């Protein structure tokens, strides 16, 4: 299990297990109840006051909002904190949509 926090201060839980399908990008909150810290899974993600769900493809797009230098697959995966197969599918989707391209050194967002 992995926890990561995005720039909007939202926590995400990722679960990997060799005998079960991985789950990533599960929005969670840490709360105090009766003197204990507990996880609460939320249905949606807060983003600037709006509530929306975010896909791995959208998470990858947000990585490139801060930079447009090529990033390796491993670099993308470590920033997203998701399973390689899920990140691979999202990268292929973004390439097919013309939003990402494979270049020397990894992948780069196509600016239109």
PDB file of N, CA and C in Angstrom:
ATOM      1  N   UNK A   1       0.847  -1.164   0.000  1.00  0.00           N
ATOM      2  CA  UNK A   1       0.000   0.000   0.000  1.00  0.00           C
ATOM      3  C   UNK A   1       0.903   1.241   0.000  1.00  0.00           C
ATOM      4  N   UNK A   2       0.507   2.221  -0.803  1.00  0.00           N
ATOM      5  CA  UNK A   2       1.263   3.454  -0.909  1.00  0.00           C
ATOM      6  C   UNK A   2       0.320   4.630  -0.714  1.00  0.00           C
ATOM      7  N   UNK A   3       0.789   5.654  -0.037  1.00  0.00           N
ATOM      8  CA  UNK A   3       0.068   6.913   0.085  1.00  0.00           C
ATOM      9  C   UNK A   3       0.879   7.991  -0.603  1.00  0.00           C
ATOM     10  N   UNK A   4       0.218   8.868  -1.321  1.00  0.00           N
ATOM     11  CA  UNK A   4       0.893  10.031  -1.880  1.00  0.00           C
ATOM     12  C   UNK A   4      -0.052  11.218  -1.806  1.00  0.00           C
ATOM     13  N   UNK A   5       0.521  12.395  -1.749  1.00  0.00           N
ATOM     14  CA  UNK A   5      -0.257  13.629  -1.663  1.00  0.00           C
ATOM     15  C   UNK A   5       0.018  14.447  -2.916  1.00  0.00           C
ATOM     16  N   UNK A   6      -1.026  14.958  -3.555  1.00  0.00           N
ATOM     17  CA  UNK A   6      -0.813  15.780  -4.743  1.00  0.00           C
ATOM     18  C   UNK A   6      -0.684  17.241  -4.340  1.00  0.00           C
ATOM     19  N   UNK A   7      -0.520  18.104  -5.333  1.00  0.00           N
ATOM     20  CA  UNK A   7      -0.291  19.515  -5.017  1.00  0.00           C
ATOM     21  C   UNK A   7      -1.537  20.209  -4.472  1.00  0.00           C
ATOM     22  N   UNK A   8      -2.688  19.592  -4.580  1.00  0.00           N
ATOM     23  CA  UNK A   8      -3.914  20.142  -3.996  1.00  0.00           C
ATOM     24  C   UNK A   8      -4.152  19.608  -2.593  1.00  0.00           C
ATOM     25  N   UNK A   9      -3.116  18.949  -2.042  1.00  0.00           N
ATOM     26  CA  UNK A   9      -3.159  18.416  -0.679  1.00  0.00           C
ATOM     27  C   UNK A   9      -4.146  17.260  -0.539  1.00  0.00           C
ATOM     28  N   UNK A  10      -4.440  16.580  -1.639  1.00  0.00           N
ATOM     29  CA  UNK A  10      -5.321  15.410  -1.619  1.00  0.00           C
ATOM     30  C   UNK A  10      -4.472  14.155  -1.474  1.00  0.00           C
ATOM     31  N   UNK A  11      -4.840  13.269  -0.565  1.00  0.00           N
ATOM     32  CA  UNK A  11      -4.138  12.000  -0.382  1.00  0.00           C
ATOM     33  C   UNK A  11      -4.727  10.936  -1.300  1.00  0.00           C
ATOM     34  N   UNK A  12      -3.847  10.095  -1.876  1.00  0.00           N
ATOM     35  CA  UNK A  12      -4.280   8.985  -2.714  1.00  0.00           C
ATOM     36  C   UNK A  12      -3.657   7.698  -2.203  1.00  0.00           C
ATOM     37  N   UNK A  13      -4.430   6.651  -2.206  1.00  0.00           N
ATOM     38  CA  UNK A  13      -3.973   5.336  -1.797  1.00  0.00           C
ATOM     39  C   UNK A  13      -3.843   4.457  -3.039  1.00  0.00           C
ATOM     40  N   UNK A  14      -2.721   3.750  -3.126  1.00  0.00           N
ATOM     41  CA  UNK A  14      -2.526   2.763  -4.182  1.00  0.00           C
ATOM     42  C   UNK A  14      -2.256   1.424  -3.517  1.00  0.00           C
ATOM     43  N   UNK A  15      -2.860   0.377  -4.054  1.00  0.00           N
ATOM     44  CA  UNK A  15      -2.715  -0.959  -3.482  1.00  0.00           C
ATOM     45  C   UNK A  15      -2.206  -1.884  -4.575  1.00  0.00           C
ATOM     46  N   UNK A  16      -1.118  -2.581  -4.269  1.00  0.00           N
ATOM     47  CA  UNK A  16      -0.569  -3.568  -5.205  1.00  0.00           C
ATOM     48  C   UNK A  16      -0.443  -4.892  -4.479  1.00  0.00           C
ATOM     49  N   UNK A  17      -0.804  -5.970  -5.166  1.00  0.00           N
ATOM     50  CA  UNK A  17      -0.680  -7.313  -4.602  1.00  0.00           C
ATOM     51  C   UNK A  17      -0.456  -8.263  -5.763  1.00  0.00           C
ATOM     52  N   UNK A  18       0.450  -9.183  -5.602  1.00  0.00           N
ATOM     53  CA  UNK A  18       0.786 -10.055  -6.728  1.00  0.00           C
ATOM     54  C   UNK A  18      -0.340 -11.013  -7.113  1.00  0.00           C
ATOM     55  N   UNK A  19      -1.284 -11.272  -6.201  1.00  0.00           N
ATOM     56  CA  UNK A  19      -2.367 -12.211  -6.494  1.00  0.00           C
ATOM     57  C   UNK A  19      -3.717 -11.531  -6.715  1.00  0.00           C
ATOM     58  N   UNK A  20      -3.721 -10.213  -6.790  1.00  0.00           N
ATOM     59  CA  UNK A  20      -4.988  -9.497  -6.975  1.00  0.00           C
ATOM     60  C   UNK A  20      -4.752  -8.297  -7.883  1.00  0.00           C
ATOM     61  N   UNK A  21      -5.808  -7.817  -8.489  1.00  0.00           N
ATOM     62  CA  UNK A  21      -5.726  -6.657  -9.359  1.00  0.00           C
ATOM     63  C   UNK A  21      -5.365  -5.425  -8.525  1.00  0.00           C
ATOM     64  N   UNK A  22      -4.428  -4.637  -9.021  1.00  0.00           N
ATOM     65  CA  UNK A  22      -4.022  -3.421  -8.320  1.00  0.00           C
ATOM     66  C   UNK A  22      -5.107  -2.369  -8.414  1.00  0.00           C
ATOM     67  N   UNK A  23      -5.113  -1.503  -7.432  1.00  0.00           N
ATOM     68  CA  UNK A  23      -6.016  -0.359  -7.423  1.00  0.00           C
ATOM     69  C   UNK A  23      -5.170   0.868  -7.152  1.00  0.00           C
ATOM     70  N   UNK A  24      -5.367   1.914  -7.934  1.00  0.00           N
ATOM     71  CA  UNK A  24      -4.588   3.133  -7.760  1.00  0.00           C
ATOM     72  C   UNK A  24      -5.488   4.348  -7.759  1.00  0.00           C
ATOM     73  N   UNK A  25      -4.951   5.433  -7.246  1.00  0.00           N
ATOM     74  CA  UNK A  25      -5.674   6.704  -7.274  1.00  0.00           C
ATOM     75  C   UNK A  25      -6.925   6.724  -6.418  1.00  0.00           C
ATOM     76  N   UNK A  26      -6.926   5.971  -5.327  1.00  0.00           N
ATOM     77  CA  UNK A  26      -8.091   5.954  -4.439  1.00  0.00           C
ATOM     78  C   UNK A  26      -7.985   7.169  -3.525  1.00  0.00           C
ATOM     79  N   UNK A  27      -8.900   8.137  -3.636  1.00  0.00           N
ATOM     80  CA  UNK A  27      -8.805   9.320  -2.784  1.00  0.00           C
ATOM     81  C   UNK A  27      -9.187   8.977  -1.344  1.00  0.00           C
ATOM     82  N   UNK A  28      -8.336   9.372  -0.401  1.00  0.00           N
ATOM     83  CA  UNK A  28      -8.580   9.080   1.012  1.00  0.00           C
ATOM     84  C   UNK A  28      -8.360  10.325   1.855  1.00  0.00           C
ATOM     85  N   UNK A  29      -8.924  10.286   3.047  1.00  0.00           N
ATOM     86  CA  UNK A  29      -8.684  11.303   4.061  1.00  0.00           C
ATOM     87  C   UNK A  29      -8.179  10.605   5.306  1.00  0.00           C
ATOM     88  N   UNK A  30      -7.292  11.259   6.033  1.00  0.00           N
ATOM     89  CA  UNK A  30      -6.866  10.767   7.335  1.00  0.00           C
ATOM     90  C   UNK A  30      -7.643  11.545   8.384  1.00  0.00           C
ATOM     91  N   UNK A  31      -8.333  10.815   9.242  1.00  0.00           N
ATOM     92  CA  UNK A  31      -9.164  11.438  10.272  1.00  0.00           C
ATOM     93  C   UNK A  31      -8.797  10.896  11.641  1.00  0.00           C
ATOM     94  N   UNK A  32      -9.147  11.636  12.667  1.00  0.00           N
ATOM     95  CA  UNK A  32      -8.970  11.176  14.038  1.00  0.00           C
ATOM     96  C   UNK A  32     -10.352  10.814  14.580  1.00  0.00           C
ATOM     97  N   UNK A  33     -10.476   9.583  15.034  1.00  0.00           N
ATOM     98  CA  UNK A  33     -11.727   9.123  15.633  1.00  0.00           C
ATOM     99  C   UNK A  33     -11.416   8.361  16.903  1.00  0.00           C
ATOM    100  N   UNK A  34     -11.958   8.813  18.000  1.00  0.00           N
ATOM    101  CA  UNK A  34     -11.771   8.153  19.296  1.00  0.00           C
ATOM    102  C   UNK A  34     -10.299   7.934  19.628  1.00  0.00           C
ATOM    103  N   UNK A  35      -9.468   8.932  19.344  1.00  0.00           N
ATOM    104  CA  UNK A  35      -8.051   8.837  19.661  1.00  0.00           C
ATOM    105  C   UNK A  35      -7.233   8.010  18.693  1.00  0.00           C
ATOM    106  N   UNK A  36      -7.816   7.562  17.582  1.00  0.00           N
ATOM    107  CA  UNK A  36      -7.108   6.753  16.580  1.00  0.00           C
ATOM    108  C   UNK A  36      -7.114   7.476  15.238  1.00  0.00           C
ATOM    109  N   UNK A  37      -6.085   7.244  14.465  1.00  0.00           N
ATOM    110  CA  UNK A  37      -6.041   7.777  13.105  1.00  0.00           C
ATOM    111  C   UNK A  37      -6.663   6.726  12.184  1.00  0.00           C
ATOM    112  N   UNK A  38      -7.613   7.147  11.355  1.00  0.00           N
ATOM    113  CA  UNK A  38      -8.300   6.222  10.452  1.00  0.00           C
ATOM    114  C   UNK A  38      -8.277   6.779   9.028  1.00  0.00           C
ATOM    115  N   UNK A  39      -8.354   5.879   8.055  1.00  0.00           N
ATOM    116  CA  UNK A  39      -8.513   6.251   6.651  1.00  0.00           C
ATOM    117  C   UNK A  39      -9.993   6.317   6.336  1.00  0.00           C
ATOM    118  N   UNK A  40     -10.382   7.310   5.585  1.00  0.00           N
ATOM    119  CA  UNK A  40     -11.734   7.364   5.047  1.00  0.00           C
ATOM    120  C   UNK A  40     -11.589   7.495   3.538  1.00  0.00           C
ATOM    121  N   UNK A  41     -12.144   6.523   2.819  1.00  0.00           N
ATOM    122  CA  UNK A  41     -12.108   6.579   1.357  1.00  0.00           C
ATOM    123  C   UNK A  41     -13.201   7.534   0.911  1.00  0.00           C
ATOM    124  N   UNK A  42     -12.805   8.513   0.094  1.00  0.00           N
ATOM    125  CA  UNK A  42     -13.769   9.472  -0.426  1.00  0.00           C
ATOM    126  C   UNK A  42     -14.105   9.094  -1.859  1.00  0.00           C
ATOM    127  N   UNK A  43     -15.278   9.478  -2.311  1.00  0.00           N
ATOM    128  CA  UNK A  43     -15.695   9.143  -3.675  1.00  0.00           C
ATOM    129  C   UNK A  43     -15.094  10.069  -4.708  1.00  0.00           C
ATOM    130  N   UNK A  44     -14.747  11.255  -4.292  1.00  0.00           N
ATOM    131  CA  UNK A  44     -14.306  12.269  -5.236  1.00  0.00           C
ATOM    132  C   UNK A  44     -13.070  12.979  -4.723  1.00  0.00           C
ATOM    133  N   UNK A  45     -12.487  13.771  -5.581  1.00  0.00           N
ATOM    134  CA  UNK A  45     -11.275  14.513  -5.276  1.00  0.00           C
ATOM    135  C   UNK A  45     -11.609  15.990  -5.273  1.00  0.00           C
ATOM    136  N   UNK A  46     -11.105  16.692  -4.275  1.00  0.00           N
ATOM    137  CA  UNK A  46     -11.291  18.138  -4.224  1.00  0.00           C
ATOM    138  C   UNK A  46     -10.224  18.787  -5.088  1.00  0.00           C
ATOM    139  N   UNK A  47     -10.602  19.665  -5.959  1.00  0.00           N
ATOM    140  CA  UNK A  47      -9.644  20.367  -6.817  1.00  0.00           C
ATOM    141  C   UNK A  47     -10.115  21.801  -6.976  1.00  0.00           C
ATOM    142  N   UNK A  48      -9.517  22.704  -6.215  1.00  0.00           N
ATOM    143  CA  UNK A  48      -9.885  24.120  -6.312  1.00  0.00           C
ATOM    144  C   UNK A  48     -11.334  24.369  -5.966  1.00  0.00           C
ATOM    145  N   UNK A  49     -11.876  23.645  -4.998  1.00  0.00           N
ATOM    146  CA  UNK A  49     -13.259  23.836  -4.591  1.00  0.00           C
ATOM    147  C   UNK A  49     -14.240  22.987  -5.373  1.00  0.00           C
ATOM    148  N   UNK A  50     -13.820  22.503  -6.532  1.00  0.00           N
ATOM    149  CA  UNK A  50     -14.665  21.641  -7.336  1.00  0.00           C
ATOM    150  C   UNK A  50     -14.409  20.186  -6.959  1.00  0.00           C
ATOM    151  N   UNK A  51     -15.373  19.333  -7.161  1.00  0.00           N
ATOM    152  CA  UNK A  51     -15.193  17.914  -6.890  1.00  0.00           C
ATOM    153  C   UNK A  51     -15.210  17.178  -8.218  1.00  0.00           C
ATOM    154  N   UNK A  52     -14.161  16.385  -8.449  1.00  0.00           N
ATOM    155  CA  UNK A  52     -14.104  15.623  -9.688  1.00  0.00           C
ATOM    156  C   UNK A  52     -13.259  14.379  -9.488  1.00  0.00           C
ATOM    157  N   UNK A  53     -13.495  13.384 -10.323  1.00  0.00           N
ATOM    158  CA  UNK A  53     -12.666  12.184 -10.318  1.00  0.00           C
ATOM    159  C   UNK A  53     -11.498  12.420 -11.261  1.00  0.00           C
ATOM    160  N   UNK A  54     -10.368  11.802 -10.952  1.00  0.00           N
ATOM    161  CA  UNK A  54      -9.184  12.004 -11.778  1.00  0.00           C
ATOM    162  C   UNK A  54      -8.611  10.653 -12.200  1.00  0.00           C
ATOM    163  N   UNK A  55      -8.343  10.521 -13.483  1.00  0.00           N
ATOM    164  CA  UNK A  55      -7.808   9.270 -14.023  1.00  0.00           C
ATOM    165  C   UNK A  55      -6.285   9.312 -14.008  1.00  0.00           C
ATOM    166  N   UNK A  56      -5.668   8.173 -14.269  1.00  0.00           N
ATOM    167  CA  UNK A  56      -4.204   8.130 -14.360  1.00  0.00           C
ATOM    168  C   UNK A  56      -3.748   8.999 -15.525  1.00  0.00           C
ATOM    169  N   UNK A  57      -4.484   9.007 -16.628  1.00  0.00           N
ATOM    170  CA  UNK A  57      -4.129   9.867 -17.767  1.00  0.00           C
ATOM    171  C   UNK A  57      -4.122  11.332 -17.355  1.00  0.00           C
ATOM    172  N   UNK A  58      -5.103  11.747 -16.572  1.00  0.00           N
ATOM    173  CA  UNK A  58      -5.147  13.128 -16.096  1.00  0.00           C
ATOM    174  C   UNK A  58      -3.999  13.417 -15.136  1.00  0.00           C
ATOM    175  N   UNK A  59      -3.668  12.439 -14.304  1.00  0.00           N
ATOM    176  CA  UNK A  59      -2.548  12.606 -13.382  1.00  0.00           C
ATOM    177  C   UNK A  59      -1.246  12.795 -14.155  1.00  0.00           C
ATOM    178  N   UNK A  60      -1.069  12.033 -15.230  1.00  0.00           N
ATOM    179  CA  UNK A  60       0.127  12.180 -16.062  1.00  0.00           C
ATOM    180  C   UNK A  60       0.155  13.571 -16.685  1.00  0.00           C
ATOM    181  N   UNK A  61      -0.984  14.025 -17.188  1.00  0.00           N
ATOM    182  CA  UNK A  61      -1.066  15.379 -17.752  1.00  0.00           C
ATOM    183  C   UNK A  61      -0.661  16.441 -16.752  1.00  0.00           C
ATOM    184  N   UNK A  62      -1.050  16.263 -15.497  1.00  0.00           N
ATOM    185  CA  UNK A  62      -0.701  17.240 -14.460  1.00  0.00           C
ATOM    186  C   UNK A  62       0.795  17.266 -14.182  1.00  0.00           C
ATOM    187  N   UNK A  63       1.467  16.134 -14.340  1.00  0.00           N
ATOM    188  CA  UNK A  63       2.919  16.109 -14.166  1.00  0.00           C
ATOM    189  C   UNK A  63       3.562  17.080 -15.144  1.00  0.00           C
ATOM    190  N   UNK A  64       3.079  17.085 -16.368  1.00  0.00           N
ATOM    191  CA  UNK A  64       3.665  17.919 -17.410  1.00  0.00           C
ATOM    192  C   UNK A  64       3.184  19.364 -17.356  1.00  0.00           C
ATOM    193  N   UNK A  65       2.243  19.688 -16.488  1.00  0.00           N
ATOM    194  CA  UNK A  65       1.844  21.082 -16.317  1.00  0.00           C
ATOM    195  C   UNK A  65       2.994  21.895 -15.716  1.00  0.00           C
ATOM    196  N   UNK A  66       3.795  21.256 -14.860  1.00  0.00           N
ATOM    197  CA  UNK A  66       4.899  21.935 -14.196  1.00  0.00           C
ATOM    198  C   UNK A  66       6.184  21.917 -15.017  1.00  0.00           C
ATOM    199  N   UNK A  67       6.292  20.997 -15.954  1.00  0.00           N
ATOM    200  CA  UNK A  67       7.500  20.864 -16.766  1.00  0.00           C
ATOM    201  C   UNK A  67       7.131  20.235 -18.094  1.00  0.00           C
ATOM    202  N   UNK A  68       7.948  20.464 -19.108  1.00  0.00           N
ATOM    203  CA  UNK A  68       7.725  19.790 -20.381  1.00  0.00           C
ATOM    204  C   UNK A  68       9.000  19.133 -20.873  1.00  0.00           C
ATOM    205  N   UNK A  69       9.870  18.782 -19.938  1.00  0.00           N
ATOM    206  CA  UNK A  69      11.064  18.034 -20.322  1.00  0.00           C
ATOM    207  C   UNK A  69      10.696  16.561 -20.404  1.00  0.00           C
ATOM    208  N   UNK A  70      11.351  15.817 -21.272  1.00  0.00           N
ATOM    209  CA  UNK A  70      11.043  14.390 -21.369  1.00  0.00           C
ATOM    210  C   UNK A  70      11.221  13.696 -20.023  1.00  0.00           C
ATOM    211  N   UNK A  71      10.338  12.749 -19.761  1.00  0.00           N
ATOM    212  CA  UNK A  71      10.392  11.989 -18.524  1.00  0.00           C
ATOM    213  C   UNK A  71      10.302  10.507 -18.866  1.00  0.00           C
ATOM    214  N   UNK A  72      11.145   9.718 -18.227  1.00  0.00           N
ATOM    215  CA  UNK A  72      11.153   8.284 -18.476  1.00  0.00           C
ATOM    216  C   UNK A  72       9.867   7.652 -17.946  1.00  0.00           C
ATOM    217  N   UNK A  73       9.584   6.452 -18.422  1.00  0.00           N
ATOM    218  CA  UNK A  73       8.422   5.714 -17.939  1.00  0.00           C
ATOM    219  C   UNK A  73       8.517   5.508 -16.429  1.00  0.00           C
ATOM    220  N   UNK A  74       9.715   5.152 -15.962  1.00  0.00           N
ATOM    221  CA  UNK A  74       9.929   4.941 -14.528  1.00  0.00           C
ATOM    222  C   UNK A  74       9.679   6.228 -13.747  1.00  0.00           C
ATOM    223  N   UNK A  75      10.113   7.353 -14.292  1.00  0.00           N
ATOM    224  CA  UNK A  75       9.882   8.647 -13.645  1.00  0.00           C
ATOM    225  C   UNK A  75       8.402   8.982 -13.551  1.00  0.00           C
ATOM    226  N   UNK A  76       7.671   8.735 -14.638  1.00  0.00           N
ATOM    227  CA  UNK A  76       6.221   8.969 -14.625  1.00  0.00           C
ATOM    228  C   UNK A  76       5.573   8.079 -13.573  1.00  0.00           C
ATOM    229  N   UNK A  77       5.939   6.812 -13.603  1.00  0.00           N
ATOM    230  CA  UNK A  77       5.345   5.847 -12.671  1.00  0.00           C
ATOM    231  C   UNK A  77       5.611   6.232 -11.221  1.00  0.00           C
ATOM    232  N   UNK A  78       6.818   6.688 -10.920  1.00  0.00           N
ATOM    233  CA  UNK A  78       7.136   7.043  -9.537  1.00  0.00           C
ATOM    234  C   UNK A  78       6.367   8.278  -9.086  1.00  0.00           C
ATOM    235  N   UNK A  79       6.115   9.219  -9.988  1.00  0.00           N
ATOM    236  CA  UNK A  79       5.342  10.405  -9.619  1.00  0.00           C
ATOM    237  C   UNK A  79       3.864  10.081  -9.430  1.00  0.00           C
ATOM    238  N   UNK A  80       3.348   9.160 -10.235  1.00  0.00           N
ATOM    239  CA  UNK A  80       1.942   8.772 -10.136  1.00  0.00           C
ATOM    240  C   UNK A  80       1.738   7.794  -8.985  1.00  0.00           C
ATOM    241  N   UNK A  81       2.702   6.913  -8.788  1.00  0.00           N
ATOM    242  CA  UNK A  81       2.576   5.909  -7.731  1.00  0.00           C
ATOM    243  C   UNK A  81       1.603   4.807  -8.098  1.00  0.00           C
ATOM    244  N   UNK A  82       1.522   4.502  -9.388  1.00  0.00           N
ATOM    245  CA  UNK A  82       0.569   3.496  -9.856  1.00  0.00           C
ATOM    246  C   UNK A  82       1.309   2.298 -10.433  1.00  0.00           C
ATOM    247  N   UNK A  83       0.576   1.246 -10.620  1.00  0.00           N
ATOM    248  CA  UNK A  83       1.097   0.004 -11.187  1.00  0.00           C
ATOM    249  C   UNK A  83       1.570   0.235 -12.620  1.00  0.00           C
ATOM    250  N   UNK A  84       2.659  -0.422 -12.987  1.00  0.00           N
ATOM    251  CA  UNK A  84       3.257  -0.235 -14.309  1.00  0.00           C
ATOM    252  C   UNK A  84       2.257  -0.483 -15.433  1.00  0.00           C
ATOM    253  N   UNK A  85       1.446  -1.525 -15.316  1.00  0.00           N
ATOM    254  CA  UNK A  85       0.475  -1.839 -16.373  1.00  0.00           C
ATOM    255  C   UNK A  85      -0.542  -0.706 -16.538  1.00  0.00           C
ATOM    256  N   UNK A  86      -0.975  -0.106 -15.432  1.00  0.00           N
ATOM    257  CA  UNK A  86      -1.957   0.987 -15.503  1.00  0.00           C
ATOM    258  C   UNK A  86      -1.340   2.242 -16.103  1.00  0.00           C
ATOM    259  N   UNK A  87      -0.095   2.541 -15.714  1.00  0.00           N
ATOM    260  CA  UNK A  87       0.586   3.700 -16.273  1.00  0.00           C
ATOM    261  C   UNK A  87       0.860   3.464 -17.760  1.00  0.00           C
ATOM    262  N   UNK A  88       1.272   2.240 -18.117  1.00  0.00           N
ATOM    263  CA  UNK A  88       1.515   1.903 -19.516  1.00  0.00           C
ATOM    264  C   UNK A  88       0.285   2.092 -20.379  1.00  0.00           C
ATOM    265  N   UNK A  89      -0.863   1.662 -19.881  1.00  0.00           N
ATOM    266  CA  UNK A  89      -2.120   1.838 -20.626  1.00  0.00           C
ATOM    267  C   UNK A  89      -2.449   3.314 -20.799  1.00  0.00           C
ATOM    268  N   UNK A  90      -2.242   4.087 -19.743  1.00  0.00           N
ATOM    269  CA  UNK A  90      -2.535   5.521 -19.810  1.00  0.00           C
ATOM    270  C   UNK A  90      -1.586   6.220 -20.783  1.00  0.00           C
ATOM    271  N   UNK A  91      -0.313   5.859 -20.776  1.00  0.00           N
ATOM    272  CA  UNK A  91       0.661   6.449 -21.700  1.00  0.00           C
ATOM    273  C   UNK A  91       0.269   6.116 -23.139  1.00  0.00           C
ATOM    274  N   UNK A  92      -0.094   4.873 -23.410  1.00  0.00           N
ATOM    275  CA  UNK A  92      -0.529   4.487 -24.762  1.00  0.00           C
ATOM    276  C   UNK A  92      -1.759   5.277 -25.185  1.00  0.00           C
ATOM    277  N   UNK A  93      -2.681   5.469 -24.259  1.00  0.00           N
ATOM    278  CA  UNK A  93      -3.899   6.251 -24.554  1.00  0.00           C
ATOM    279  C   UNK A  93      -3.536   7.691 -24.905  1.00  0.00           C
ATOM    280  N   UNK A  94      -2.648   8.296 -24.124  1.00  0.00           N
ATOM    281  CA  UNK A  94      -2.249   9.683 -24.379  1.00  0.00           C
ATOM    282  C   UNK A  94      -1.493   9.820 -25.699  1.00  0.00           C
ATOM    283  N   UNK A  95      -0.702   8.818 -26.050  1.00  0.00           N
ATOM    284  CA  UNK A  95      -0.007   8.836 -27.351  1.00  0.00           C
ATOM    285  C   UNK A  95      -1.030   8.749 -28.479  1.00  0.00           C
ATOM    286  N   UNK A  96      -2.000   7.840 -28.344  1.00  0.00           N
ATOM    287  CA  UNK A  96      -3.042   7.680 -29.376  1.00  0.00           C
ATOM    288  C   UNK A  96      -3.871   8.955 -29.536  1.00  0.00           C
ATOM    289  N   UNK A  97      -4.052   9.695 -28.452  1.00  0.00           N
ATOM    290  CA  UNK A  97      -4.822  10.943 -28.496  1.00  0.00           C
ATOM    291  C   UNK A  97      -3.990  12.130 -28.978  1.00  0.00           C
ATOM    292  N   UNK A  98      -2.685  11.882 -29.220  1.00  0.00           N
ATOM    293  CA  UNK A  98      -1.814  12.952 -29.682  1.00  0.00           C
ATOM    294  C   UNK A  98      -1.427  13.939 -28.597  1.00  0.00           C
ATOM    295  N   UNK A  99      -1.490  13.518 -27.342  1.00  0.00           N
ATOM    296  CA  UNK A  99      -1.147  14.407 -26.233  1.00  0.00           C
ATOM    297  C   UNK A  99       0.249  14.152 -25.682  1.00  0.00           C
ATOM    298  N   UNK A 100       0.813  12.991 -26.000  1.00  0.00           N
ATOM    299  CA  UNK A 100       2.125  12.601 -25.498  1.00  0.00           C
ATOM    300  C   UNK A 100       2.881  11.960 -26.646  1.00  0.00           C
ATOM    301  N   UNK A 101       4.204  12.125 -26.665  1.00  0.00           N
ATOM    302  CA  UNK A 101       5.007  11.477 -27.692  1.00  0.00           C
ATOM    303  C   UNK A 101       6.257  10.882 -27.070  1.00  0.00           C
ATOM    304  N   UNK A 102       6.718   9.786 -27.667  1.00  0.00           N
ATOM    305  CA  UNK A 102       7.950   9.142 -27.214  1.00  0.00           C
ATOM    306  C   UNK A 102       9.111   9.853 -27.890  1.00  0.00           C
ATOM    307  N   UNK A 103      10.054  10.301 -27.066  1.00  0.00           N
ATOM    308  CA  UNK A 103      11.246  10.982 -27.563  1.00  0.00           C
ATOM    309  C   UNK A 103      12.464  10.392 -26.862  1.00  0.00           C
ATOM    310  N   UNK A 104      13.630  10.812 -27.299  1.00  0.00           N
ATOM    311  CA  UNK A 104      14.854  10.391 -26.629  1.00  0.00           C
ATOM    312  C   UNK A 104      14.782  10.835 -25.168  1.00  0.00           C
ATOM    313  N   UNK A 105      14.962   9.919 -24.261  1.00  0.00           N
ATOM    314  CA  UNK A 105      14.907  10.273 -22.840  1.00  0.00           C
ATOM    315  C   UNK A 105      13.555  10.004 -22.205  1.00  0.00           C
ATOM    316  N   UNK A 106      12.577   9.533 -22.983  1.00  0.00           N
ATOM    317  CA  UNK A 106      11.294   9.194 -22.380  1.00  0.00           C
ATOM    318  C   UNK A 106      10.104   9.683 -23.172  1.00  0.00           C
ATOM    319  N   UNK A 107       9.197  10.370 -22.478  1.00  0.00           N
ATOM    320  CA  UNK A 107       7.957  10.856 -23.074  1.00  0.00           C
ATOM    321  C   UNK A 107       7.838  12.351 -22.821  1.00  0.00           C
ATOM    322  N   UNK A 108       7.251  13.044 -23.778  1.00  0.00           N
ATOM    323  CA  UNK A 108       7.081  14.489 -23.670  1.00  0.00           C
ATOM    324  C   UNK A 108       5.648  14.849 -24.079  1.00  0.00           C
ATOM    325  N   UNK A 109       5.093  15.830 -23.404  1.00  0.00           N
ATOM    326  CA  UNK A 109       3.750  16.304 -23.726  1.00  0.00           C
ATOM    327  C   UNK A 109       3.809  17.106 -25.024  1.00  0.00           C
ATOM    328  N   UNK A 110       2.845  16.876 -25.893  1.00  0.00           N
ATOM    329  CA  UNK A 110       2.751  17.616 -27.151  1.00  0.00           C
ATOM    330  C   UNK A 110       1.963  18.892 -26.869  1.00  0.00           C
ATOM    331  N   UNK A 111       2.606  20.001 -27.134  1.00  0.00           N
ATOM    332  CA  UNK A 111       1.960  21.294 -26.910  1.00  0.00           C
ATOM    333  C   UNK A 111       1.277  21.724 -28.196  1.00  0.00           C
ATOM    334  N   UNK A 112      -0.011  22.021 -28.084  1.00  0.00           N
ATOM    335  CA  UNK A 112      -0.758  22.423 -29.281  1.00  0.00           C
ATOM    336  C   UNK A 112      -1.112  23.888 -29.234  1.00  0.00           C
TER     337      UNK A 112
END
